[in-house]
PDB file of N, CA and C in Angstrom:
ATOM      1  N   MET A   1      12.785  17.665   6.560  1.00  0.00           N
ATOM      2  CA  MET A   1      11.441  16.635   6.026  1.00  0.00           C
ATOM      3  C   MET A   1      11.831  15.175   6.654  1.00  0.00           C
ATOM      4  N   ILE A   2      12.899  14.805   6.956  1.00  0.00           N
ATOM      5  CA  ILE A   2      12.842  13.248   7.730  1.00  0.00           C
ATOM      6  C   ILE A   2      12.263  13.629   9.111  1.00  0.00           C
ATOM      7  N   GLY A   3      12.974  14.929   9.627  1.00  0.00           N
ATOM      8  CA  GLY A   3      12.334  14.912  11.010  1.00  0.00           C
ATOM      9  C   GLY A   3      11.036  15.108  10.940  1.00  0.00           C
ATOM     10  N   VAL A   4      10.286  15.733  10.241  1.00  0.00           N
ATOM     11  CA  VAL A   4       8.516  15.399  10.198  1.00  0.00           C
ATOM     12  C   VAL A   4       8.354  14.190   9.967  1.00  0.00           C
ATOM     13  N   GLU A   5       8.901  13.347   9.120  1.00  0.00           N
ATOM     14  CA  GLU A   5       8.022  11.922   8.968  1.00  0.00           C
ATOM     15  C   GLU A   5       8.459  11.782  10.232  1.00  0.00           C
ATOM     16  N   GLU A   6       9.404  11.400  10.868  1.00  0.00           N
ATOM     17  CA  GLU A   6       9.680  10.801  12.296  1.00  0.00           C
ATOM     18  C   GLU A   6       8.616  10.813  12.980  1.00  0.00           C
ATOM     19  N   ALA A   7       8.401  12.714  13.226  1.00  0.00           N
ATOM     20  CA  ALA A   7       7.863  13.001  14.276  1.00  0.00           C
ATOM     21  C   ALA A   7       5.927  12.014  13.968  1.00  0.00           C
ATOM     22  N   VAL A   8       5.775  12.430  12.356  1.00  0.00           N
ATOM     23  CA  VAL A   8       4.405  11.950  12.212  1.00  0.00           C
ATOM     24  C   VAL A   8       4.184   9.998  12.872  1.00  0.00           C
ATOM     25  N   GLU A   9       5.449  10.019  12.795  1.00  0.00           N
ATOM     26  CA  GLU A   9       5.559   8.169  12.636  1.00  0.00           C
ATOM     27  C   GLU A   9       5.520   7.693  14.139  1.00  0.00           C
ATOM     28  N   LYS A  10       6.076   8.560  15.019  1.00  0.00           N
ATOM     29  CA  LYS A  10       6.148   8.297  16.357  1.00  0.00           C
ATOM     30  C   LYS A  10       4.933   8.700  17.081  1.00  0.00           C
ATOM     31  N   ARG A  11       4.058   9.827  16.268  1.00  0.00           N
ATOM     32  CA  ARG A  11       2.827  10.143  17.012  1.00  0.00           C
ATOM     33  C   ARG A  11       1.768   8.559  16.671  1.00  0.00           C
ATOM     34  N   VAL A  12       2.067   8.206  15.364  1.00  0.00           N
ATOM     35  CA  VAL A  12       1.040   7.228  15.202  1.00  0.00           C
ATOM     36  C   VAL A  12       1.050   6.154  15.796  1.00  0.00           C
ATOM     37  N   LYS A  13       2.409   5.733  16.180  1.00  0.00           N
ATOM     38  CA  LYS A  13       3.217   4.525  16.719  1.00  0.00           C
ATOM     39  C   LYS A  13       2.618   4.742  18.253  1.00  0.00           C
ATOM     40  N   SER A  14       2.401   5.705  18.643  1.00  0.00           N
ATOM     41  CA  SER A  14       1.743   6.416  19.959  1.00  0.00           C
ATOM     42  C   SER A  14       0.388   5.923  20.557  1.00  0.00           C
ATOM     43  N   LEU A  15      -0.295   6.022  18.938  1.00  0.00           N
ATOM     44  CA  LEU A  15      -1.891   6.030  18.853  1.00  0.00           C
ATOM     45  C   LEU A  15      -2.404   4.487  18.750  1.00  0.00           C
ATOM     46  N   VAL A  16      -1.369   3.311  18.156  1.00  0.00           N
ATOM     47  CA  VAL A  16      -1.562   2.097  18.347  1.00  0.00           C
ATOM     48  C   VAL A  16      -1.251   1.399  18.928  1.00  0.00           C
ATOM     49  N   ALA A  17      -2.006   0.255  18.916  1.00  0.00           N
ATOM     50  CA  ALA A  17      -1.892  -1.021  20.125  1.00  0.00           C
ATOM     51  C   ALA A  17      -0.311  -1.640  19.746  1.00  0.00           C
ATOM     52  N   ALA A  18       0.656  -1.919  20.665  1.00  0.00           N
ATOM     53  CA  ALA A  18       1.796  -2.309  20.423  1.00  0.00           C
ATOM     54  C   ALA A  18       1.511  -3.328  19.791  1.00  0.00           C
ATOM     55  N   ASP A  19       0.797  -4.501  19.803  1.00  0.00           N
ATOM     56  CA  ASP A  19       1.021  -5.661  19.220  1.00  0.00           C
ATOM     57  C   ASP A  19       0.539  -5.495  17.662  1.00  0.00           C
ATOM     58  N   GLU A  20      -0.133  -4.454  17.490  1.00  0.00           N
ATOM     59  CA  GLU A  20      -0.807  -4.097  15.839  1.00  0.00           C
ATOM     60  C   GLU A  20       0.394  -3.398  14.885  1.00  0.00           C
ATOM     61  N   PRO A  21       0.183  -3.933  13.965  1.00  0.00           N
ATOM     62  CA  PRO A  21       1.440  -3.363  12.830  1.00  0.00           C
ATOM     63  C   PRO A  21       1.552  -2.123  12.460  1.00  0.00           C
ATOM     64  N   VAL A  22       2.310  -1.217  12.254  1.00  0.00           N
ATOM     65  CA  VAL A  22       2.273   0.179  11.802  1.00  0.00           C
ATOM     66  C   VAL A  22       2.684  -0.182  10.393  1.00  0.00           C
ATOM     67  N   THR A  23       1.918   0.472   9.574  1.00  0.00           N
ATOM     68  CA  THR A  23       2.223   0.468   8.153  1.00  0.00           C
ATOM     69  C   THR A  23       2.251   1.984   7.736  1.00  0.00           C
ATOM     70  N   PRO A  24       3.128   2.201   6.642  1.00  0.00           N
ATOM     71  CA  PRO A  24       3.395   3.288   6.076  1.00  0.00           C
ATOM     72  C   PRO A  24       1.769   4.088   5.097  1.00  0.00           C
ATOM     73  N   GLY A  25       0.747   3.211   5.589  1.00  0.00           N
ATOM     74  CA  GLY A  25      -0.312   3.583   4.662  1.00  0.00           C
ATOM     75  C   GLY A  25      -1.130   4.758   4.930  1.00  0.00           C
ATOM     76  N   ILE A  26      -1.164   5.172   6.246  1.00  0.00           N
ATOM     77  CA  ILE A  26      -1.565   6.135   6.918  1.00  0.00           C
ATOM     78  C   ILE A  26      -0.828   7.605   6.272  1.00  0.00           C
ATOM     79  N   LEU A  27       0.669   7.653   5.921  1.00  0.00           N
ATOM     80  CA  LEU A  27       1.051   8.644   5.266  1.00  0.00           C
ATOM     81  C   LEU A  27       0.629   8.523   3.635  1.00  0.00           C
ATOM     82  N   TYR A  28       0.456   7.233   3.479  1.00  0.00           N
ATOM     83  CA  TYR A  28       0.245   7.478   2.018  1.00  0.00           C
ATOM     84  C   TYR A  28      -1.081   8.289   1.692  1.00  0.00           C
ATOM     85  N   VAL A  29      -2.132   7.803   2.589  1.00  0.00           N
ATOM     86  CA  VAL A  29      -3.649   8.445   2.351  1.00  0.00           C
ATOM     87  C   VAL A  29      -3.268  10.106   2.555  1.00  0.00           C
ATOM     88  N   GLY A  30      -2.558  10.308   3.652  1.00  0.00           N
ATOM     89  CA  GLY A  30      -2.436  11.669   3.582  1.00  0.00           C
ATOM     90  C   GLY A  30      -1.611  12.589   2.092  1.00  0.00           C
ATOM     91  N   VAL A  31      -0.748  11.513   1.688  1.00  0.00           N
ATOM     92  CA  VAL A  31      -0.292  12.463   0.306  1.00  0.00           C
ATOM     93  C   VAL A  31      -1.068  12.094  -0.223  1.00  0.00           C
ATOM     94  N   ALA A  32      -1.659  11.216  -0.868  1.00  0.00           N
ATOM     95  CA  ALA A  32      -2.603  10.965  -1.796  1.00  0.00           C
ATOM     96  C   ALA A  32      -3.961  12.404  -1.688  1.00  0.00           C
ATOM     97  N   THR A  33      -4.188  12.482  -0.574  1.00  0.00           N
ATOM     98  CA  THR A  33      -5.053  13.932  -0.104  1.00  0.00           C
ATOM     99  C   THR A  33      -4.228  15.344  -0.426  1.00  0.00           C
ATOM    100  N   VAL A  34      -3.297  15.214  -0.342  1.00  0.00           N
ATOM    101  CA  VAL A  34      -2.936  16.872  -0.451  1.00  0.00           C
ATOM    102  C   VAL A  34      -2.529  16.670  -1.869  1.00  0.00           C
ATOM    103  N   THR A  35      -2.405  15.484  -2.626  1.00  0.00           N
ATOM    104  CA  THR A  35      -1.927  15.596  -4.344  1.00  0.00           C
ATOM    105  C   THR A  35      -3.191  15.884  -4.679  1.00  0.00           C
ATOM    106  N   GLY A  36      -4.383  15.528  -4.299  1.00  0.00           N
ATOM    107  CA  GLY A  36      -5.440  16.136  -4.769  1.00  0.00           C
ATOM    108  C   GLY A  36      -5.797  17.544  -4.911  1.00  0.00           C
ATOM    109  N   SER A  37      -5.358  18.266  -3.965  1.00  0.00           N
ATOM    110  CA  SER A  37      -5.436  19.635  -3.793  1.00  0.00           C
ATOM    111  C   SER A  37      -4.548  20.274  -4.465  1.00  0.00           C
ATOM    112  N   ILE A  38      -3.508  19.616  -4.717  1.00  0.00           N
ATOM    113  CA  ILE A  38      -2.524  20.273  -5.723  1.00  0.00           C
ATOM    114  C   ILE A  38      -3.082  20.375  -7.158  1.00  0.00           C
ATOM    115  N   PHE A  39      -3.264  18.607  -7.845  1.00  0.00           N
ATOM    116  CA  PHE A  39      -3.993  18.649  -8.788  1.00  0.00           C
ATOM    117  C   PHE A  39      -5.119  20.076  -9.208  1.00  0.00           C
ATOM    118  N   ALA A  40      -5.674  19.903  -7.960  1.00  0.00           N
ATOM    119  CA  ALA A  40      -7.230  20.370  -8.665  1.00  0.00           C
ATOM    120  C   ALA A  40      -7.172  21.949  -8.472  1.00  0.00           C
ATOM    121  N   ARG A  41      -6.089  22.311  -8.029  1.00  0.00           N
ATOM    122  CA  ARG A  41      -5.608  24.046  -7.875  1.00  0.00           C
ATOM    123  C   ARG A  41      -6.038  24.964  -8.762  1.00  0.00           C
ATOM    124  N   ASN A  42      -5.896  24.698 -10.002  1.00  0.00           N
ATOM    125  CA  ASN A  42      -6.402  25.379 -11.351  1.00  0.00           C
ATOM    126  C   ASN A  42      -7.345  24.903 -12.069  1.00  0.00           C
ATOM    127  N   CYS A  43      -7.807  23.998 -11.376  1.00  0.00           N
ATOM    128  CA  CYS A  43      -9.164  23.627 -11.843  1.00  0.00           C
ATOM    129  C   CYS A  43     -10.659  24.254 -11.544  1.00  0.00           C
ATOM    130  N   GLY A  44     -11.552  23.967 -11.924  1.00  0.00           N
ATOM    131  CA  GLY A  44     -13.394  24.946 -11.477  1.00  0.00           C
ATOM    132  C   GLY A  44     -13.541  24.320 -10.047  1.00  0.00           C
ATOM    133  N   LEU A  45     -14.060  25.118  -9.392  1.00  0.00           N
ATOM    134  CA  LEU A  45     -14.717  24.955  -8.079  1.00  0.00           C
ATOM    135  C   LEU A  45     -15.053  23.924  -7.810  1.00  0.00           C
ATOM    136  N   PHE A  46     -16.045  22.867  -8.772  1.00  0.00           N
ATOM    137  CA  PHE A  46     -16.553  22.200  -8.642  1.00  0.00           C
ATOM    138  C   PHE A  46     -15.146  20.716  -8.180  1.00  0.00           C
ATOM    139  N   THR A  47     -14.195  20.597  -8.985  1.00  0.00           N
ATOM    140  CA  THR A  47     -13.314  19.939  -9.162  1.00  0.00           C
ATOM    141  C   THR A  47     -12.320  20.151  -7.944  1.00  0.00           C
ATOM    142  N   ARG A  48     -12.243  21.299  -7.595  1.00  0.00           N
ATOM    143  CA  ARG A  48     -11.468  21.727  -6.256  1.00  0.00           C
ATOM    144  C   ARG A  48     -11.986  20.862  -5.108  1.00  0.00           C
ATOM    145  N   ALA A  49     -13.131  21.168  -5.196  1.00  0.00           N
ATOM    146  CA  ALA A  49     -14.068  20.474  -3.872  1.00  0.00           C
ATOM    147  C   ALA A  49     -14.022  19.216  -3.850  1.00  0.00           C
ATOM    148  N   LEU A  50     -14.260  18.557  -5.046  1.00  0.00           N
ATOM    149  CA  LEU A  50     -14.551  16.786  -5.141  1.00  0.00           C
ATOM    150  C   LEU A  50     -13.530  16.210  -5.187  1.00  0.00           C
ATOM    151  N   LEU A  51     -12.102  16.355  -5.719  1.00  0.00           N
ATOM    152  CA  LEU A  51     -11.187  15.830  -6.010  1.00  0.00           C
ATOM    153  C   LEU A  51     -10.264  15.528  -4.703  1.00  0.00           C
ATOM    154  N   PRO A  52     -10.102  16.240  -3.918  1.00  0.00           N
ATOM    155  CA  PRO A  52      -9.230  15.821  -2.480  1.00  0.00           C
ATOM    156  C   PRO A  52     -10.167  15.022  -1.612  1.00  0.00           C
ATOM    157  N   PRO A  53     -11.721  15.246  -1.319  1.00  0.00           N
ATOM    158  CA  PRO A  53     -12.217  13.914  -0.774  1.00  0.00           C
ATOM    159  C   PRO A  53     -12.254  12.561  -1.630  1.00  0.00           C
ATOM    160  N   THR A  54     -12.482  12.853  -2.649  1.00  0.00           N
ATOM    161  CA  THR A  54     -12.323  11.645  -3.746  1.00  0.00           C
ATOM    162  C   THR A  54     -11.392  10.733  -3.527  1.00  0.00           C
ATOM    163  N   LEU A  55     -10.324  11.431  -3.914  1.00  0.00           N
ATOM    164  CA  LEU A  55      -8.930  10.722  -3.328  1.00  0.00           C
ATOM    165  C   LEU A  55      -8.537   9.799  -2.059  1.00  0.00           C
ATOM    166  N   LEU A  56      -8.883  11.077  -1.105  1.00  0.00           N
ATOM    167  CA  LEU A  56      -8.872  10.246   0.071  1.00  0.00           C
ATOM    168  C   LEU A  56      -9.955   9.255   0.361  1.00  0.00           C
ATOM    169  N   VAL A  57     -10.970   8.698   0.100  1.00  0.00           N
ATOM    170  CA  VAL A  57     -11.581   7.974   0.116  1.00  0.00           C
ATOM    171  C   VAL A  57     -11.268   6.951  -0.734  1.00  0.00           C
ATOM    172  N   LEU A  58     -10.801   6.654  -2.149  1.00  0.00           N
ATOM    173  CA  LEU A  58      -9.879   5.750  -2.462  1.00  0.00           C
ATOM    174  C   LEU A  58      -8.651   5.460  -2.286  1.00  0.00           C
ATOM    175  N   SER A  59      -7.962   6.256  -1.345  1.00  0.00           N
ATOM    176  CA  SER A  59      -6.688   6.101  -0.811  1.00  0.00           C
ATOM    177  C   SER A  59      -6.960   5.273   0.082  1.00  0.00           C
ATOM    178  N   LEU A  60      -7.717   5.366   1.394  1.00  0.00           N
ATOM    179  CA  LEU A  60      -8.168   4.701   2.481  1.00  0.00           C
ATOM    180  C   LEU A  60      -8.596   3.062   2.137  1.00  0.00           C
ATOM    181  N   ASN A  61      -9.644   3.242   0.847  1.00  0.00           N
ATOM    182  CA  ASN A  61      -9.628   1.929   0.510  1.00  0.00           C
ATOM    183  C   ASN A  61      -8.284   0.998   0.067  1.00  0.00           C
ATOM    184  N   HIS A  62      -7.720   1.988  -0.679  1.00  0.00           N
ATOM    185  CA  HIS A  62      -6.493   0.887  -1.237  1.00  0.00           C
ATOM    186  C   HIS A  62      -5.390   0.591   0.056  1.00  0.00           C
ATOM    187  N   PHE A  63      -5.131   1.553   0.446  1.00  0.00           N
ATOM    188  CA  PHE A  63      -3.944   1.650   1.408  1.00  0.00           C
ATOM    189  C   PHE A  63      -4.506   1.032   3.221  1.00  0.00           C
ATOM    190  N   LEU A  64      -5.262   1.143   3.229  1.00  0.00           N
ATOM    191  CA  LEU A  64      -5.810   0.814   4.612  1.00  0.00           C
ATOM    192  C   LEU A  64      -7.170  -0.390   4.641  1.00  0.00           C
ATOM    193  N   ARG A  65      -6.944  -1.084   3.764  1.00  0.00           N
ATOM    194  CA  ARG A  65      -8.055  -1.960   3.408  1.00  0.00           C
ATOM    195  C   ARG A  65      -7.759  -3.058   4.750  1.00  0.00           C
ATOM    196  N   TYR A  66      -8.594  -3.697   5.353  1.00  0.00           N
ATOM    197  CA  TYR A  66      -8.865  -4.729   6.392  1.00  0.00           C
ATOM    198  C   TYR A  66      -8.267  -6.276   5.936  1.00  0.00           C
ATOM    199  N   GLU A  67      -7.697  -6.865   6.182  1.00  0.00           N
ATOM    200  CA  GLU A  67      -7.407  -8.221   5.903  1.00  0.00           C
ATOM    201  C   GLU A  67      -6.953  -8.869   7.393  1.00  0.00           C
ATOM    202  N   ALA A  68      -8.338  -9.735   6.868  1.00  0.00           N
ATOM    203  CA  ALA A  68      -8.646 -10.784   8.356  1.00  0.00           C
ATOM    204  C   ALA A  68      -8.125 -12.045   7.824  1.00  0.00           C
TER     205      ALA A  68
END
């Protein structure tokens, strides 16, 4: 599991400019989205379709908020 995390971090660092800080926010957004899929697994079709994108948008707003 650590190897996967390091591979993802290395890939993200290669995409981001050198002077721009890399935060774990991208990983948190991914985890929140997958968590929505897991929580909605035994729910109705509407909830299964709506919960993961909702958590994606909410976690993007929370973890990757632009601060000037």
